[in-house]
Amino acid sequence: MAIEIDLSGRVALVTGGSRGLGRADALTLARAGADVAIADIQLESQTTDEDVERYGPLAQAARAQGFVYTEATVREIEVVGRRSLALKCDVTEREQVEATVARVVEELGSVDILVNNAATLDHLGQLGDQSPELWERDLRVNLTGSFNCAQAVWPHMRERGWGRIVNMASVAGTLGGFGQASYSTTKAGILGLTRTLALEGARHGITANAIVPGIIGTEAFAFGNPEMNERMVKRTALRRPGEPQDVANAIAFLCSDLAAYVTGVALNVSGGIELFTF
């Protein structure tokens, strides 16, 4: 019997979908048959210079170098015959999150799948150099943002008796991250949130799992220090960065009925960076 990932009739909401992992996730879910709404702080037609400055250096670099593809991704999804929306949303703002979910339900009919991908990764520095303001920002975006989105879709999933939540963690959350106190802390927190959602969702037909990526060749990776990037690749058992598609494939599986008995899992998509490599 052939095994197929079929998400026909499902509606997915992917946050942080303007580029990188989120863009690959959205396209892959659509190719598997889902209608997909993409929420991001940046839309090509609606983002101002003032917005970008407020969102931080990574967002600024992405816009300056043309790495914002939210609306372009929607068009690609529509080409394969699926419905799609591009929605401007700051996941730290609960009113925006609730309005985004309400619009997805109104226009696409439901929210069956949530991929919590939105995150920030530009606060670097050893402990003495960590900024309290950026620490708080990272907690709001990476951790509280995922909580906000999960809480907003929860009633819709409970009502339908079916749901898939996939949260984006990181090996920084399982191994620690040198110079990444805020980022690694938020990603460790994501794992605790995921397990709690799995416990509470099980009786309602909702599964919750986390992806734990290692070094993935996104635009953000290309912005990094080349020497540091090479060191991380050498620590990886497979001796290469992963591709966004590697993560997207794992997410599509977790969102499908093939993974109906999988919940509360932290799935490494890391090339073995967590192994003792020599």
Protein backbone atom coordinates (compact mmCIF):
# COMPACT_ATOMS: atom_id res chain seq x y z
CA MET A 1 0.00 0.00 0.00
CA ALA A 2 1.39 3.38 -0.98
CA ILE A 3 1.92 5.86 1.84
CA GLU A 4 0.94 9.41 1.02
CA ILE A 5 0.79 12.64 2.97
CA ASP A 6 -2.64 14.02 2.14
CA LEU A 7 -3.81 17.25 3.77
CA SER A 8 -6.76 17.81 1.43
CA GLY A 9 -9.55 19.69 3.14
CA ARG A 10 -7.28 21.07 5.87
CA VAL A 11 -6.48 24.73 6.50
CA ALA A 12 -3.05 25.70 7.83
CA LEU A 13 -1.82 28.92 9.44
CA VAL A 14 1.95 29.43 9.20
CA THR A 15 3.50 32.32 11.14
CA GLY A 16 6.74 33.93 10.11
CA GLY A 17 6.19 32.77 6.55
CA SER A 18 7.86 35.56 4.60
CA ARG A 19 11.07 33.60 3.96
CA GLY A 20 13.24 30.70 5.09
CA LEU A 21 11.63 27.88 7.03
CA GLY A 22 8.17 29.42 7.13
CA ARG A 23 8.02 29.89 3.37
CA ALA A 24 9.13 26.28 2.77
CA ASP A 25 6.57 25.04 5.31
CA ALA A 26 3.73 26.95 3.65
CA LEU A 27 4.59 25.73 0.15
CA THR A 28 4.97 22.12 1.29
CA LEU A 29 1.67 22.05 3.17
CA ALA A 30 -0.03 23.46 0.08
CA ARG A 31 1.55 20.84 -2.17
CA ALA A 32 0.20 18.22 0.23
CA GLY A 33 -3.31 19.59 -0.33
CA ALA A 34 -3.89 22.16 2.42
CA ASP A 35 -5.13 25.71 2.01
CA VAL A 36 -2.58 27.97 3.69
CA ALA A 37 -2.69 31.37 5.40
CA ILE A 38 0.68 33.03 5.91
CA ALA A 39 1.08 35.52 8.75
CA ASP A 40 4.16 37.71 9.02
CA ILE A 41 5.23 41.11 10.24
CA GLN A 42 6.37 41.91 6.70
CA LEU A 43 4.28 41.95 3.53
CA GLU A 44 5.83 43.29 0.35
CA SER A 45 3.01 45.78 -0.21
CA GLN A 46 2.27 46.81 3.38
CA THR A 47 5.55 47.22 5.26
CA THR A 48 6.94 50.68 5.91
CA ASP A 49 10.49 51.72 6.72
CA GLU A 50 9.28 52.59 10.22
CA ASP A 51 7.96 49.04 10.68
CA VAL A 52 11.24 47.50 9.59
CA GLU A 53 13.30 49.65 11.94
CA ARG A 54 11.08 48.59 14.84
CA TYR A 55 11.35 44.89 13.98
CA GLY A 56 15.15 44.75 14.31
CA PRO A 57 18.28 44.19 12.21
CA LEU A 58 17.36 40.79 10.81
CA ALA A 59 14.06 42.11 9.45
CA GLN A 60 15.88 45.18 8.11
CA ALA A 61 18.44 43.03 6.31
CA ALA A 62 15.76 40.78 4.84
CA ARG A 63 13.85 43.74 3.42
CA ALA A 64 16.97 45.52 2.17
CA GLN A 65 18.15 42.42 0.29
CA GLY A 66 14.73 41.49 -1.10
CA PHE A 67 14.15 38.41 1.08
CA VAL A 68 10.48 39.10 1.85
CA TYR A 69 8.24 36.74 -0.11
CA THR A 70 4.95 36.62 1.81
CA GLU A 71 2.64 37.69 -1.00
CA ALA A 72 4.80 35.98 -3.62
CA THR A 73 4.41 32.71 -1.71
CA VAL A 74 0.64 33.15 -1.68
CA ARG A 75 0.70 33.47 -5.46
CA GLU A 76 2.78 30.29 -5.75
CA ILE A 77 0.29 28.43 -3.58
CA GLU A 78 -2.63 29.62 -5.68
CA VAL A 79 -0.86 28.36 -8.81
CA VAL A 80 -0.98 24.79 -7.43
CA GLY A 81 -4.73 25.16 -6.94
CA ARG A 82 -4.94 25.88 -3.21
CA ARG A 83 -6.48 28.90 -1.49
CA SER A 84 -4.10 31.19 0.35
CA LEU A 85 -3.94 34.46 2.30
CA ALA A 86 -1.13 36.83 3.24
CA LEU A 87 -1.84 38.52 6.56
CA LYS A 88 0.24 41.11 8.34
CA CYS A 89 0.46 40.07 11.99
CA ASP A 90 2.73 40.72 14.93
CA VAL A 91 2.41 37.61 17.09
CA THR A 92 3.23 39.60 20.23
CA GLU A 93 -0.01 41.58 19.82
CA ARG A 94 -2.93 39.44 20.98
CA GLU A 95 -5.54 41.55 19.18
CA GLN A 96 -3.69 41.12 15.89
CA VAL A 97 -3.39 37.37 16.44
CA GLU A 98 -7.08 37.00 17.23
CA ALA A 99 -8.02 39.10 14.20
CA THR A 100 -5.74 37.00 11.99
CA VAL A 101 -7.28 33.72 13.17
CA ALA A 102 -10.80 35.14 12.76
CA ARG A 103 -10.02 36.15 9.18
CA VAL A 104 -8.59 32.74 8.33
CA VAL A 105 -11.72 31.05 9.70
CA GLU A 106 -13.98 33.50 7.85
CA GLU A 107 -12.25 33.22 4.47
CA LEU A 108 -10.87 29.67 4.48
CA GLY A 109 -13.38 27.99 6.80
CA SER A 110 -11.26 26.74 9.70
CA VAL A 111 -7.81 26.53 11.25
CA ASP A 112 -6.83 22.87 11.41
CA ILE A 113 -3.05 23.28 11.45
CA LEU A 114 -0.88 25.86 13.21
CA VAL A 115 2.84 26.11 12.50
CA ASN A 116 4.40 28.46 15.05
CA ASN A 117 7.46 29.53 13.11
CA ALA A 118 7.69 33.28 13.83
CA ALA A 119 10.83 34.09 15.80
CA THR A 120 13.69 36.53 16.10
CA LEU A 121 17.37 35.56 16.08
CA ASP A 122 19.42 38.75 16.12
CA HIS A 123 20.24 39.21 19.81
CA LEU A 124 23.78 37.91 20.12
CA GLY A 125 26.31 38.46 22.90
CA GLN A 126 27.65 36.74 25.96
CA LEU A 127 25.73 37.14 29.19
CA GLY A 128 27.31 40.42 30.26
CA ASP A 129 26.45 41.95 26.91
CA GLN A 130 22.85 40.73 26.70
CA SER A 131 20.38 43.59 26.52
CA PRO A 132 17.48 43.42 29.00
CA GLU A 133 15.24 45.10 26.43
CA LEU A 134 16.08 42.56 23.73
CA TRP A 135 15.75 39.72 26.25
CA GLU A 136 12.16 40.83 26.87
CA ARG A 137 11.52 41.27 23.15
CA ASP A 138 12.74 37.74 22.39
CA LEU A 139 10.54 36.27 25.12
CA ARG A 140 7.53 38.10 23.67
CA VAL A 141 8.18 37.09 20.07
CA ASN A 142 9.57 33.57 20.33
CA LEU A 143 7.70 32.20 23.32
CA THR A 144 4.69 34.37 24.14
CA GLY A 145 3.96 34.72 20.42
CA SER A 146 3.63 30.94 20.10
CA PHE A 147 1.38 30.86 23.16
CA ASN A 148 -0.80 33.65 21.73
CA CYS A 149 -1.28 31.81 18.44
CA ALA A 150 -1.95 28.43 20.07
CA GLN A 151 -4.51 29.95 22.42
CA ALA A 152 -6.26 31.73 19.54
CA VAL A 153 -6.68 28.59 17.39
CA TRP A 154 -7.47 26.27 20.32
CA PRO A 155 -11.28 26.82 20.44
CA HIS A 156 -11.60 26.17 16.71
CA MET A 157 -9.60 22.94 16.91
CA ARG A 158 -11.56 21.77 19.96
CA GLU A 159 -14.85 22.47 18.22
CA ARG A 160 -13.82 20.38 15.21
CA GLY A 161 -12.23 17.65 17.33
CA TRP A 162 -9.05 17.73 15.23
CA GLY A 163 -5.93 19.85 15.23
CA ARG A 164 -2.22 19.86 14.61
CA ILE A 165 0.14 22.31 16.29
CA VAL A 166 3.80 22.29 15.34
CA ASN A 167 6.13 24.60 17.26
CA MET A 168 9.59 25.55 16.05
CA ALA A 169 12.24 24.92 18.69
CA SER A 170 16.00 24.69 18.07
CA VAL A 171 19.07 22.78 19.14
CA ALA A 172 19.94 26.01 20.93
CA GLY A 173 17.07 25.12 23.26
CA THR A 174 18.32 21.57 23.89
CA LEU A 175 22.09 22.16 23.86
CA GLY A 176 22.33 25.83 24.83
CA GLY A 177 23.64 28.56 22.58
CA PHE A 178 26.93 30.39 23.22
CA GLY A 179 26.09 34.08 23.09
CA GLN A 180 22.40 33.27 22.67
CA ALA A 181 20.97 33.43 26.18
CA SER A 182 17.60 34.85 25.15
CA TYR A 183 17.16 32.73 22.03
CA SER A 184 18.14 29.43 23.65
CA THR A 185 15.93 30.14 26.67
CA THR A 186 12.88 30.83 24.51
CA LYS A 187 13.46 27.68 22.47
CA ALA A 188 13.78 25.57 25.61
CA GLY A 189 10.51 27.11 26.76
CA ILE A 190 8.88 26.10 23.48
CA LEU A 191 9.53 22.46 24.35
CA GLY A 192 7.69 22.81 27.67
CA LEU A 193 4.80 24.59 25.98
CA THR A 194 4.60 21.86 23.35
CA ARG A 195 4.35 19.06 25.91
CA THR A 196 1.65 20.89 27.83
CA LEU A 197 -0.35 21.48 24.66
CA ALA A 198 0.04 17.79 23.84
CA LEU A 199 -1.31 16.76 27.24
CA GLU A 200 -4.24 19.14 27.19
CA GLY A 201 -5.06 18.65 23.52
CA ALA A 202 -5.07 14.84 23.47
CA ARG A 203 -8.65 14.51 24.73
CA HIS A 204 -9.82 16.89 22.01
CA GLY A 205 -8.10 15.28 19.03
CA ILE A 206 -5.32 17.88 18.99
CA THR A 207 -1.68 16.86 18.73
CA ALA A 208 1.24 19.15 19.49
CA ASN A 209 4.83 18.51 18.50
CA ALA A 210 8.04 20.49 18.17
CA ILE A 211 10.65 20.51 15.44
CA VAL A 212 14.22 20.91 16.69
CA PRO A 213 16.25 22.17 13.72
CA GLY A 214 20.01 22.23 13.64
CA ILE A 215 21.98 24.29 11.13
CA ILE A 216 19.63 25.03 8.23
CA GLY A 217 20.69 26.91 5.12
CA THR A 218 18.21 29.78 5.29
CA GLU A 219 18.80 33.44 4.51
CA ALA A 220 19.50 34.00 8.22
CA PHE A 221 22.29 31.40 8.07
CA ALA A 222 23.80 33.27 5.12
CA PHE A 223 23.83 36.46 7.21
CA GLY A 224 25.97 34.72 9.87
CA ASN A 225 29.71 34.82 10.43
CA PRO A 226 31.26 32.46 7.82
CA GLU A 227 33.88 31.14 10.24
CA MET A 228 31.28 30.37 12.90
CA ASN A 229 29.01 28.78 10.30
CA GLU A 230 31.82 26.48 9.23
CA ARG A 231 32.52 25.47 12.81
CA MET A 232 28.87 24.51 13.30
CA VAL A 233 28.80 22.52 10.08
CA LYS A 234 31.90 20.59 11.17
CA ARG A 235 30.18 19.74 14.45
CA THR A 236 27.23 18.29 12.51
CA ALA A 237 27.47 14.53 11.93
CA LEU A 238 26.33 14.85 8.31
CA ARG A 239 28.90 17.63 7.75
CA ARG A 240 26.52 19.94 5.92
CA PRO A 241 23.71 22.37 6.64
CA GLY A 242 20.18 21.11 6.23
CA GLU A 243 17.74 22.59 3.74
CA PRO A 244 14.46 24.33 4.64
CA GLN A 245 12.74 21.51 2.78
CA ASP A 246 14.11 18.99 5.31
CA VAL A 247 12.20 20.80 8.05
CA ALA A 248 9.11 21.26 5.89
CA ASN A 249 8.94 17.53 5.14
CA ALA A 250 8.95 16.71 8.86
CA ILE A 251 6.22 19.27 9.50
CA ALA A 252 4.03 17.88 6.72
CA PHE A 253 4.33 14.42 8.27
CA LEU A 254 3.43 15.66 11.77
CA CYS A 255 0.39 17.47 10.37
CA SER A 256 -0.91 14.41 8.54
CA ASP A 257 -2.94 11.42 9.66
CA LEU A 258 0.24 9.36 9.36
CA ALA A 259 1.29 11.00 12.64
CA ALA A 260 -2.08 10.60 14.37
CA TYR A 261 -0.43 8.75 17.29
CA VAL A 262 2.53 11.14 17.63
CA THR A 263 2.24 13.94 20.17
CA GLY A 264 4.50 15.74 22.63
CA VAL A 265 7.57 14.89 20.55
CA ALA A 266 10.66 17.06 20.04
CA LEU A 267 11.79 15.88 16.61
CA ASN A 268 15.40 16.64 15.75
CA VAL A 269 15.93 17.72 12.14
CA SER A 270 19.54 18.50 12.82
CA GLY A 271 21.90 16.32 10.83
CA GLY A 272 23.18 14.93 14.12
CA ILE A 273 24.63 18.14 15.58
CA GLU A 274 23.56 16.93 19.01
CA LEU A 275 25.68 13.78 18.69
CA PHE A 276 29.24 13.44 19.94
CA THR A 277 30.95 14.12 16.62
CA PHE A 278 34.69 13.80 15.94
